[in-house]
Amino acid sequence: MELRGKQKRYLRAQAHDMRPLFSIGKQGMSQNWLDQLSDAIDKRELFKVNILPNSDVTVAELQAFIEDNSDIQVVQSIGHTLVLFGESKDKDRRHYSTAVKAI
């Protein structure tokens, strides 16, 4: 699902008070790390990822890696933090995606 401006604004507002759930450090990006992100999307649909200062990964590289290798979308990047969104496979956990579709 391609997000429109109002939908992104809603998701950014919902993620404002959240703390980063995942961090990426020295080990960088791997398929195992991406699988963990996908599992978290199925449970939460919306969360933040933080890039640690000791990481060799840039924000643009991380954003491209996530969007190219999964169905997770980057809603916003602020400094070294990314806000990620994806629709849950479990219909009972689709809180944010149902609200986004209604907008």
PDB file of N, CA and C in Angstrom:
ATOM      1  N   MET A   1       0.848  -1.167   0.000  1.00  0.00           N
ATOM      2  CA  MET A   1       0.000   0.000   0.000  1.00  0.00           C
ATOM      3  C   MET A   1       0.899   1.238   0.000  1.00  0.00           C
ATOM      4  N   GLU A   2       0.671   2.102  -0.915  1.00  0.00           N
ATOM      5  CA  GLU A   2       1.408   3.367  -1.012  1.00  0.00           C
ATOM      6  C   GLU A   2       0.722   4.391  -0.109  1.00  0.00           C
ATOM      7  N   LEU A   3       1.466   4.998   0.758  1.00  0.00           N
ATOM      8  CA  LEU A   3       0.911   5.934   1.730  1.00  0.00           C
ATOM      9  C   LEU A   3       0.815   7.338   1.150  1.00  0.00           C
ATOM     10  N   ARG A   4      -0.320   7.987   1.413  1.00  0.00           N
ATOM     11  CA  ARG A   4      -0.512   9.377   1.008  1.00  0.00           C
ATOM     12  C   ARG A   4      -0.059  10.283   2.158  1.00  0.00           C
ATOM     13  N   GLY A   5      -0.038  11.571   1.903  1.00  0.00           N
ATOM     14  CA  GLY A   5       0.449  12.544   2.871  1.00  0.00           C
ATOM     15  C   GLY A   5      -0.295  12.530   4.198  1.00  0.00           C
ATOM     16  N   LYS A   6      -1.628  12.485   4.164  1.00  0.00           N
ATOM     17  CA  LYS A   6      -2.411  12.483   5.394  1.00  0.00           C
ATOM     18  C   LYS A   6      -2.185  11.205   6.192  1.00  0.00           C
ATOM     19  N   GLN A   7      -1.995  10.096   5.482  1.00  0.00           N
ATOM     20  CA  GLN A   7      -1.742   8.832   6.163  1.00  0.00           C
ATOM     21  C   GLN A   7      -0.379   8.851   6.856  1.00  0.00           C
ATOM     22  N   LYS A   8       0.627   9.395   6.179  1.00  0.00           N
ATOM     23  CA  LYS A   8       1.953   9.507   6.787  1.00  0.00           C
ATOM     24  C   LYS A   8       1.919  10.432   7.992  1.00  0.00           C
ATOM     25  N   ARG A   9       1.173  11.517   7.890  1.00  0.00           N
ATOM     26  CA  ARG A   9       1.058  12.464   8.998  1.00  0.00           C
ATOM     27  C   ARG A   9       0.416  11.790  10.218  1.00  0.00           C
ATOM     28  N   TYR A  10      -0.615  10.975   9.979  1.00  0.00           N
ATOM     29  CA  TYR A  10      -1.263  10.242  11.070  1.00  0.00           C
ATOM     30  C   TYR A  10      -0.278   9.276  11.728  1.00  0.00           C
ATOM     31  N   LEU A  11       0.483   8.525  10.930  1.00  0.00           N
ATOM     32  CA  LEU A  11       1.435   7.560  11.469  1.00  0.00           C
ATOM     33  C   LEU A  11       2.563   8.250  12.226  1.00  0.00           C
ATOM     34  N   ARG A  12       3.034   9.387  11.723  1.00  0.00           N
ATOM     35  CA  ARG A  12       4.073  10.136  12.430  1.00  0.00           C
ATOM     36  C   ARG A  12       3.567  10.610  13.788  1.00  0.00           C
ATOM     37  N   ALA A  13       2.312  11.051  13.833  1.00  0.00           N
ATOM     38  CA  ALA A  13       1.729  11.512  15.093  1.00  0.00           C
ATOM     39  C   ALA A  13       1.606  10.355  16.085  1.00  0.00           C
ATOM     40  N   GLN A  14       1.232   9.183  15.607  1.00  0.00           N
ATOM     41  CA  GLN A  14       1.100   8.024  16.483  1.00  0.00           C
ATOM     42  C   GLN A  14       2.462   7.558  17.005  1.00  0.00           C
ATOM     43  N   ALA A  15       3.502   7.696  16.194  1.00  0.00           N
ATOM     44  CA  ALA A  15       4.835   7.231  16.573  1.00  0.00           C
ATOM     45  C   ALA A  15       5.619   8.262  17.377  1.00  0.00           C
ATOM     46  N   HIS A  16       5.092   9.445  17.539  1.00  0.00           N
ATOM     47  CA  HIS A  16       5.832  10.528  18.185  1.00  0.00           C
ATOM     48  C   HIS A  16       6.351  10.157  19.573  1.00  0.00           C
ATOM     49  N   ASP A  17       5.514   9.565  20.405  1.00  0.00           N
ATOM     50  CA  ASP A  17       5.894   9.259  21.783  1.00  0.00           C
ATOM     51  C   ASP A  17       6.562   7.902  21.947  1.00  0.00           C
ATOM     52  N   MET A  18       6.706   7.152  20.871  1.00  0.00           N
ATOM     53  CA  MET A  18       7.322   5.825  20.947  1.00  0.00           C
ATOM     54  C   MET A  18       8.830   5.931  21.109  1.00  0.00           C
ATOM     55  N   ARG A  19       9.388   4.963  21.799  1.00  0.00           N
ATOM     56  CA  ARG A  19      10.842   4.820  21.895  1.00  0.00           C
ATOM     57  C   ARG A  19      11.269   3.805  20.837  1.00  0.00           C
ATOM     58  N   PRO A  20      12.491   3.913  20.335  1.00  0.00           N
ATOM     59  CA  PRO A  20      12.950   2.943  19.328  1.00  0.00           C
ATOM     60  C   PRO A  20      12.907   1.514  19.867  1.00  0.00           C
ATOM     61  N   LEU A  21      12.345   0.617  19.081  1.00  0.00           N
ATOM     62  CA  LEU A  21      12.204  -0.775  19.457  1.00  0.00           C
ATOM     63  C   LEU A  21      13.427  -1.588  19.052  1.00  0.00           C
ATOM     64  N   PHE A  22      14.034  -1.238  17.928  1.00  0.00           N
ATOM     65  CA  PHE A  22      15.216  -1.919  17.417  1.00  0.00           C
ATOM     66  C   PHE A  22      16.359  -0.932  17.262  1.00  0.00           C
ATOM     67  N   SER A  23      17.565  -1.452  17.343  1.00  0.00           N
ATOM     68  CA  SER A  23      18.766  -0.661  17.084  1.00  0.00           C
ATOM     69  C   SER A  23      19.637  -1.418  16.114  1.00  0.00           C
ATOM     70  N   ILE A  24      20.414  -0.685  15.354  1.00  0.00           N
ATOM     71  CA  ILE A  24      21.357  -1.308  14.442  1.00  0.00           C
ATOM     72  C   ILE A  24      22.739  -0.773  14.780  1.00  0.00           C
ATOM     73  N   GLY A  25      23.676  -1.684  14.961  1.00  0.00           N
ATOM     74  CA  GLY A  25      25.012  -1.288  15.400  1.00  0.00           C
ATOM     75  C   GLY A  25      26.097  -1.803  14.491  1.00  0.00           C
ATOM     76  N   LYS A  26      27.167  -2.325  15.104  1.00  0.00           N
ATOM     77  CA  LYS A  26      28.340  -2.772  14.360  1.00  0.00           C
ATOM     78  C   LYS A  26      28.047  -3.898  13.378  1.00  0.00           C
ATOM     79  N   GLN A  27      27.185  -4.831  13.768  1.00  0.00           N
ATOM     80  CA  GLN A  27      26.937  -5.978  12.903  1.00  0.00           C
ATOM     81  C   GLN A  27      26.189  -5.602  11.631  1.00  0.00           C
ATOM     82  N   GLY A  28      25.587  -4.454  11.627  1.00  0.00           N
ATOM     83  CA  GLY A  28      24.938  -3.947  10.425  1.00  0.00           C
ATOM     84  C   GLY A  28      23.669  -4.683  10.059  1.00  0.00           C
ATOM     85  N   MET A  29      23.369  -4.643   8.777  1.00  0.00           N
ATOM     86  CA  MET A  29      22.122  -5.201   8.280  1.00  0.00           C
ATOM     87  C   MET A  29      22.339  -6.661   7.875  1.00  0.00           C
ATOM     88  N   SER A  30      21.398  -7.510   8.261  1.00  0.00           N
ATOM     89  CA  SER A  30      21.446  -8.914   7.866  1.00  0.00           C
ATOM     90  C   SER A  30      20.027  -9.398   7.625  1.00  0.00           C
ATOM     91  N   GLN A  31      19.918 -10.550   7.001  1.00  0.00           N
ATOM     92  CA  GLN A  31      18.592 -11.111   6.738  1.00  0.00           C
ATOM     93  C   GLN A  31      17.910 -11.501   8.045  1.00  0.00           C
ATOM     94  N   ASN A  32      18.672 -11.969   9.012  1.00  0.00           N
ATOM     95  CA  ASN A  32      18.123 -12.328  10.315  1.00  0.00           C
ATOM     96  C   ASN A  32      17.516 -11.102  11.002  1.00  0.00           C
ATOM     97  N   TRP A  33      18.209  -9.982  10.953  1.00  0.00           N
ATOM     98  CA  TRP A  33      17.707  -8.735  11.544  1.00  0.00           C
ATOM     99  C   TRP A  33      16.421  -8.297  10.842  1.00  0.00           C
ATOM    100  N   LEU A  34      16.385  -8.445   9.518  1.00  0.00           N
ATOM    101  CA  LEU A  34      15.197  -8.073   8.742  1.00  0.00           C
ATOM    102  C   LEU A  34      14.017  -8.992   9.069  1.00  0.00           C
ATOM    103  N   ASP A  35      14.291 -10.270   9.310  1.00  0.00           N
ATOM    104  CA  ASP A  35      13.235 -11.199   9.716  1.00  0.00           C
ATOM    105  C   ASP A  35      12.656 -10.808  11.070  1.00  0.00           C
ATOM    106  N   GLN A  36      13.494 -10.336  11.973  1.00  0.00           N
ATOM    107  CA  GLN A  36      13.014  -9.871  13.269  1.00  0.00           C
ATOM    108  C   GLN A  36      12.138  -8.632  13.120  1.00  0.00           C
ATOM    109  N   LEU A  37      12.505  -7.750  12.183  1.00  0.00           N
ATOM    110  CA  LEU A  37      11.662  -6.581  11.905  1.00  0.00           C
ATOM    111  C   LEU A  37      10.292  -7.011  11.398  1.00  0.00           C
ATOM    112  N   SER A  38      10.277  -7.976  10.491  1.00  0.00           N
ATOM    113  CA  SER A  38       9.005  -8.463   9.934  1.00  0.00           C
ATOM    114  C   SER A  38       8.127  -9.081  11.017  1.00  0.00           C
ATOM    115  N   ASP A  39       8.723  -9.824  11.933  1.00  0.00           N
ATOM    116  CA  ASP A  39       7.961 -10.397  13.038  1.00  0.00           C
ATOM    117  C   ASP A  39       7.390  -9.304  13.933  1.00  0.00           C
ATOM    118  N   ALA A  40       8.164  -8.256  14.160  1.00  0.00           N
ATOM    119  CA  ALA A  40       7.692  -7.148  14.991  1.00  0.00           C
ATOM    120  C   ALA A  40       6.567  -6.381  14.289  1.00  0.00           C
ATOM    121  N   ILE A  41       6.653  -6.258  12.969  1.00  0.00           N
ATOM    122  CA  ILE A  41       5.583  -5.588  12.210  1.00  0.00           C
ATOM    123  C   ILE A  41       4.279  -6.359  12.354  1.00  0.00           C
ATOM    124  N   ASP A  42       4.353  -7.688  12.341  1.00  0.00           N
ATOM    125  CA  ASP A  42       3.146  -8.498  12.498  1.00  0.00           C
ATOM    126  C   ASP A  42       2.498  -8.292  13.861  1.00  0.00           C
ATOM    127  N   LYS A  43       3.280  -7.916  14.856  1.00  0.00           N
ATOM    128  CA  LYS A  43       2.737  -7.718  16.199  1.00  0.00           C
ATOM    129  C   LYS A  43       2.342  -6.276  16.482  1.00  0.00           C
ATOM    130  N   ARG A  44       3.084  -5.305  15.934  1.00  0.00           N
ATOM    131  CA  ARG A  44       2.868  -3.897  16.292  1.00  0.00           C
ATOM    132  C   ARG A  44       2.416  -3.003  15.153  1.00  0.00           C
ATOM    133  N   GLU A  45       2.833  -3.263  13.939  1.00  0.00           N
ATOM    134  CA  GLU A  45       2.553  -2.488  12.724  1.00  0.00           C
ATOM    135  C   GLU A  45       3.321  -1.166  12.634  1.00  0.00           C
ATOM    136  N   LEU A  46       3.671  -0.557  13.739  1.00  0.00           N
ATOM    137  CA  LEU A  46       4.334   0.745  13.714  1.00  0.00           C
ATOM    138  C   LEU A  46       5.360   0.799  14.839  1.00  0.00           C
ATOM    139  N   PHE A  47       6.605   1.117  14.502  1.00  0.00           N
ATOM    140  CA  PHE A  47       7.637   1.275  15.518  1.00  0.00           C
ATOM    141  C   PHE A  47       8.814   2.036  14.947  1.00  0.00           C
ATOM    142  N   LYS A  48       9.771   2.318  15.834  1.00  0.00           N
ATOM    143  CA  LYS A  48      10.960   3.077  15.447  1.00  0.00           C
ATOM    144  C   LYS A  48      12.196   2.185  15.503  1.00  0.00           C
ATOM    145  N   VAL A  49      13.176   2.517  14.645  1.00  0.00           N
ATOM    146  CA  VAL A  49      14.478   1.861  14.617  1.00  0.00           C
ATOM    147  C   VAL A  49      15.530   2.941  14.763  1.00  0.00           C
ATOM    148  N   ASN A  50      16.518   2.690  15.620  1.00  0.00           N
ATOM    149  CA  ASN A  50      17.573   3.654  15.887  1.00  0.00           C
ATOM    150  C   ASN A  50      18.897   3.137  15.321  1.00  0.00           C
ATOM    151  N   ILE A  51      19.678   4.011  14.694  1.00  0.00           N
ATOM    152  CA  ILE A  51      21.011   3.662  14.218  1.00  0.00           C
ATOM    153  C   ILE A  51      22.004   4.168  15.257  1.00  0.00           C
ATOM    154  N   LEU A  52      22.772   3.249  15.820  1.00  0.00           N
ATOM    155  CA  LEU A  52      23.731   3.606  16.861  1.00  0.00           C
ATOM    156  C   LEU A  52      24.918   4.356  16.271  1.00  0.00           C
ATOM    157  N   PRO A  53      25.597   5.178  17.080  1.00  0.00           N
ATOM    158  CA  PRO A  53      26.742   5.957  16.572  1.00  0.00           C
ATOM    159  C   PRO A  53      27.913   5.101  16.079  1.00  0.00           C
ATOM    160  N   ASN A  54      28.072   3.887  16.611  1.00  0.00           N
ATOM    161  CA  ASN A  54      29.181   3.044  16.184  1.00  0.00           C
ATOM    162  C   ASN A  54      28.872   2.233  14.926  1.00  0.00           C
ATOM    163  N   SER A  55      27.719   2.436  14.341  1.00  0.00           N
ATOM    164  CA  SER A  55      27.319   1.688  13.150  1.00  0.00           C
ATOM    165  C   SER A  55      27.981   2.252  11.896  1.00  0.00           C
ATOM    166  N   ASP A  56      28.277   1.369  10.948  1.00  0.00           N
ATOM    167  CA  ASP A  56      28.838   1.786   9.667  1.00  0.00           C
ATOM    168  C   ASP A  56      27.751   2.057   8.636  1.00  0.00           C
ATOM    169  N   VAL A  57      26.499   1.934   9.020  1.00  0.00           N
ATOM    170  CA  VAL A  57      25.358   2.065   8.118  1.00  0.00           C
ATOM    171  C   VAL A  57      24.822   3.493   8.162  1.00  0.00           C
ATOM    172  N   THR A  58      24.524   4.040   6.993  1.00  0.00           N
ATOM    173  CA  THR A  58      23.896   5.356   6.935  1.00  0.00           C
ATOM    174  C   THR A  58      22.377   5.187   6.914  1.00  0.00           C
ATOM    175  N   VAL A  59      21.681   6.275   7.142  1.00  0.00           N
ATOM    176  CA  VAL A  59      20.220   6.250   7.140  1.00  0.00           C
ATOM    177  C   VAL A  59      19.693   5.853   5.754  1.00  0.00           C
ATOM    178  N   ALA A  60      20.279   6.396   4.714  1.00  0.00           N
ATOM    179  CA  ALA A  60      19.829   6.093   3.348  1.00  0.00           C
ATOM    180  C   ALA A  60      20.050   4.623   3.003  1.00  0.00           C
ATOM    181  N   GLU A  61      21.178   4.055   3.424  1.00  0.00           N
ATOM    182  CA  GLU A  61      21.452   2.639   3.160  1.00  0.00           C
ATOM    183  C   GLU A  61      20.453   1.745   3.884  1.00  0.00           C
ATOM    184  N   LEU A  62      20.163   2.074   5.137  1.00  0.00           N
ATOM    185  CA  LEU A  62      19.215   1.289   5.909  1.00  0.00           C
ATOM    186  C   LEU A  62      17.816   1.382   5.316  1.00  0.00           C
ATOM    187  N   GLN A  63      17.417   2.571   4.924  1.00  0.00           N
ATOM    188  CA  GLN A  63      16.099   2.764   4.329  1.00  0.00           C
ATOM    189  C   GLN A  63      15.970   1.966   3.045  1.00  0.00           C
ATOM    190  N   ALA A  64      16.966   2.004   2.183  1.00  0.00           N
ATOM    191  CA  ALA A  64      16.935   1.254   0.931  1.00  0.00           C
ATOM    192  C   ALA A  64      16.916  -0.251   1.197  1.00  0.00           C
ATOM    193  N   PHE A  65      17.690  -0.723   2.171  1.00  0.00           N
ATOM    194  CA  PHE A  65      17.740  -2.150   2.500  1.00  0.00           C
ATOM    195  C   PHE A  65      16.378  -2.643   2.977  1.00  0.00           C
ATOM    196  N   ILE A  66      15.724  -1.881   3.839  1.00  0.00           N
ATOM    197  CA  ILE A  66      14.423  -2.292   4.383  1.00  0.00           C
ATOM    198  C   ILE A  66      13.358  -2.291   3.296  1.00  0.00           C
ATOM    199  N   GLU A  67      13.294  -1.228   2.508  1.00  0.00           N
ATOM    200  CA  GLU A  67      12.241  -1.128   1.500  1.00  0.00           C
ATOM    201  C   GLU A  67      12.447  -2.089   0.335  1.00  0.00           C
ATOM    202  N   ASP A  68      13.699  -2.400  -0.020  1.00  0.00           N
ATOM    203  CA  ASP A  68      13.959  -3.300  -1.142  1.00  0.00           C
ATOM    204  C   ASP A  68      13.753  -4.761  -0.788  1.00  0.00           C
ATOM    205  N   ASN A  69      13.966  -5.137   0.465  1.00  0.00           N
ATOM    206  CA  ASN A  69      13.942  -6.541   0.852  1.00  0.00           C
ATOM    207  C   ASN A  69      12.727  -6.959   1.661  1.00  0.00           C
ATOM    208  N   SER A  70      11.759  -6.081   1.842  1.00  0.00           N
ATOM    209  CA  SER A  70      10.569  -6.434   2.622  1.00  0.00           C
ATOM    210  C   SER A  70       9.402  -5.553   2.185  1.00  0.00           C
ATOM    211  N   ASP A  71       8.238  -5.815   2.778  1.00  0.00           N
ATOM    212  CA  ASP A  71       7.058  -4.994   2.490  1.00  0.00           C
ATOM    213  C   ASP A  71       6.861  -3.907   3.540  1.00  0.00           C
ATOM    214  N   ILE A  72       7.886  -3.650   4.331  1.00  0.00           N
ATOM    215  CA  ILE A  72       7.870  -2.610   5.356  1.00  0.00           C
ATOM    216  C   ILE A  72       8.179  -1.267   4.704  1.00  0.00           C
ATOM    217  N   GLN A  73       7.427  -0.242   5.097  1.00  0.00           N
ATOM    218  CA  GLN A  73       7.635   1.089   4.542  1.00  0.00           C
ATOM    219  C   GLN A  73       8.251   2.009   5.590  1.00  0.00           C
ATOM    220  N   VAL A  74       9.138   2.865   5.136  1.00  0.00           N
ATOM    221  CA  VAL A  74       9.710   3.888   6.005  1.00  0.00           C
ATOM    222  C   VAL A  74       8.813   5.116   5.902  1.00  0.00           C
ATOM    223  N   VAL A  75       8.204   5.482   7.020  1.00  0.00           N
ATOM    224  CA  VAL A  75       7.291   6.622   7.048  1.00  0.00           C
ATOM    225  C   VAL A  75       8.072   7.923   7.164  1.00  0.00           C
ATOM    226  N   GLN A  76       9.114   7.914   8.003  1.00  0.00           N
ATOM    227  CA  GLN A  76       9.868   9.128   8.252  1.00  0.00           C
ATOM    228  C   GLN A  76      11.250   8.768   8.786  1.00  0.00           C
ATOM    229  N   SER A  77      12.212   9.615   8.470  1.00  0.00           N
ATOM    230  CA  SER A  77      13.533   9.468   9.080  1.00  0.00           C
ATOM    231  C   SER A  77      13.911  10.807   9.703  1.00  0.00           C
ATOM    232  N   ILE A  78      14.260  10.745  10.987  1.00  0.00           N
ATOM    233  CA  ILE A  78      14.658  11.936  11.725  1.00  0.00           C
ATOM    234  C   ILE A  78      16.017  11.639  12.334  1.00  0.00           C
ATOM    235  N   GLY A  79      17.043  12.313  11.884  1.00  0.00           N
ATOM    236  CA  GLY A  79      18.376  12.062  12.403  1.00  0.00           C
ATOM    237  C   GLY A  79      18.793  10.632  12.152  1.00  0.00           C
ATOM    238  N   HIS A  80      19.003   9.876  13.219  1.00  0.00           N
ATOM    239  CA  HIS A  80      19.394   8.473  13.118  1.00  0.00           C
ATOM    240  C   HIS A  80      18.255   7.542  13.508  1.00  0.00           C
ATOM    241  N   THR A  81      17.020   8.017  13.394  1.00  0.00           N
ATOM    242  CA  THR A  81      15.853   7.225  13.755  1.00  0.00           C
ATOM    243  C   THR A  81      14.911   7.126  12.566  1.00  0.00           C
ATOM    244  N   LEU A  82      14.419   5.901  12.311  1.00  0.00           N
ATOM    245  CA  LEU A  82      13.449   5.662  11.243  1.00  0.00           C
ATOM    246  C   LEU A  82      12.135   5.219  11.858  1.00  0.00           C
ATOM    247  N   VAL A  83      11.025   5.691  11.308  1.00  0.00           N
ATOM    248  CA  VAL A  83       9.697   5.238  11.694  1.00  0.00           C
ATOM    249  C   VAL A  83       9.244   4.263  10.614  1.00  0.00           C
ATOM    250  N   LEU A  84       8.946   3.017  11.022  1.00  0.00           N
ATOM    251  CA  LEU A  84       8.582   1.965  10.083  1.00  0.00           C
ATOM    252  C   LEU A  84       7.130   1.569  10.259  1.00  0.00           C
ATOM    253  N   PHE A  85       6.473   1.217   9.131  1.00  0.00           N
ATOM    254  CA  PHE A  85       5.078   0.796   9.138  1.00  0.00           C
ATOM    255  C   PHE A  85       4.887  -0.347   8.161  1.00  0.00           C
ATOM    256  N   GLY A  86       4.059  -1.278   8.541  1.00  0.00           N
ATOM    257  CA  GLY A  86       3.675  -2.374   7.670  1.00  0.00           C
ATOM    258  C   GLY A  86       2.377  -2.976   8.176  1.00  0.00           C
ATOM    259  N   GLU A  87       1.614  -3.552   7.278  1.00  0.00           N
ATOM    260  CA  GLU A  87       0.338  -4.144   7.667  1.00  0.00           C
ATOM    261  C   GLU A  87       0.568  -5.524   8.266  1.00  0.00           C
ATOM    262  N   SER A  88      -0.082  -5.792   9.385  1.00  0.00           N
ATOM    263  CA  SER A  88       0.051  -7.072  10.072  1.00  0.00           C
ATOM    264  C   SER A  88      -0.687  -8.161   9.303  1.00  0.00           C
ATOM    265  N   LYS A  89      -0.151  -9.371   9.349  1.00  0.00           N
ATOM    266  CA  LYS A  89      -0.815 -10.508   8.708  1.00  0.00           C
ATOM    267  C   LYS A  89      -1.981 -10.999   9.552  1.00  0.00           C
ATOM    268  N   ASP A  90      -1.941 -10.729  10.849  1.00  0.00           N
ATOM    269  CA  ASP A  90      -2.991 -11.123  11.780  1.00  0.00           C
ATOM    270  C   ASP A  90      -4.068 -10.033  11.811  1.00  0.00           C
ATOM    271  N   LYS A  91      -5.283 -10.374  11.434  1.00  0.00           N
ATOM    272  CA  LYS A  91      -6.354  -9.378  11.355  1.00  0.00           C
ATOM    273  C   LYS A  91      -6.699  -8.766  12.709  1.00  0.00           C
ATOM    274  N   ASP A  92      -6.473  -9.498  13.795  1.00  0.00           N
ATOM    275  CA  ASP A  92      -6.789  -8.978  15.122  1.00  0.00           C
ATOM    276  C   ASP A  92      -5.816  -7.890  15.567  1.00  0.00           C
ATOM    277  N   ARG A  93      -4.659  -7.809  14.955  1.00  0.00           N
ATOM    278  CA  ARG A  93      -3.636  -6.829  15.345  1.00  0.00           C
ATOM    279  C   ARG A  93      -3.548  -5.647  14.387  1.00  0.00           C
ATOM    280  N   ARG A  94      -4.477  -5.503  13.505  1.00  0.00           N
ATOM    281  CA  ARG A  94      -4.451  -4.421  12.515  1.00  0.00           C
ATOM    282  C   ARG A  94      -5.108  -3.158  13.075  1.00  0.00           C
ATOM    283  N   HIS A  95      -4.463  -2.546  14.015  1.00  0.00           N
ATOM    284  CA  HIS A  95      -4.993  -1.317  14.604  1.00  0.00           C
ATOM    285  C   HIS A  95      -4.664  -0.103  13.729  1.00  0.00           C
ATOM    286  N   TYR A  96      -3.394   0.072  13.416  1.00  0.00           N
ATOM    287  CA  TYR A  96      -2.966   1.238  12.645  1.00  0.00           C
ATOM    288  C   TYR A  96      -3.369   1.131  11.178  1.00  0.00           C
ATOM    289  N   SER A  97      -3.284  -0.057  10.601  1.00  0.00           N
ATOM    290  CA  SER A  97      -3.575  -0.189   9.168  1.00  0.00           C
ATOM    291  C   SER A  97      -5.059   0.054   8.860  1.00  0.00           C
ATOM    292  N   THR A  98      -5.947  -0.342   9.755  1.00  0.00           N
ATOM    293  CA  THR A  98      -7.367  -0.050   9.524  1.00  0.00           C
ATOM    294  C   THR A  98      -7.632   1.452   9.620  1.00  0.00           C
ATOM    295  N   ALA A  99      -6.978   2.110  10.556  1.00  0.00           N
ATOM    296  CA  ALA A  99      -7.128   3.572  10.678  1.00  0.00           C
ATOM    297  C   ALA A  99      -6.541   4.284   9.475  1.00  0.00           C
ATOM    298  N   VAL A 100      -5.412   3.789   8.963  1.00  0.00           N
ATOM    299  CA  VAL A 100      -4.761   4.409   7.789  1.00  0.00           C
ATOM    300  C   VAL A 100      -5.640   4.246   6.554  1.00  0.00           C
ATOM    301  N   LYS A 101      -6.251   3.085   6.398  1.00  0.00           N
ATOM    302  CA  LYS A 101      -7.113   2.859   5.227  1.00  0.00           C
ATOM    303  C   LYS A 101      -8.364   3.743   5.272  1.00  0.00           C
ATOM    304  N   ALA A 102      -8.798   4.097   6.474  1.00  0.00           N
ATOM    305  CA  ALA A 102      -9.984   4.938   6.621  1.00  0.00           C
ATOM    306  C   ALA A 102      -9.699   6.396   6.288  1.00  0.00           C
ATOM    307  N   ILE A 103      -8.441   6.777   6.310  1.00  0.00           N
ATOM    308  CA  ILE A 103      -8.072   8.179   6.031  1.00  0.00           C
ATOM    309  C   ILE A 103      -8.073   8.418   4.548  1.00  0.00           C
TER     310      ILE A 103
END
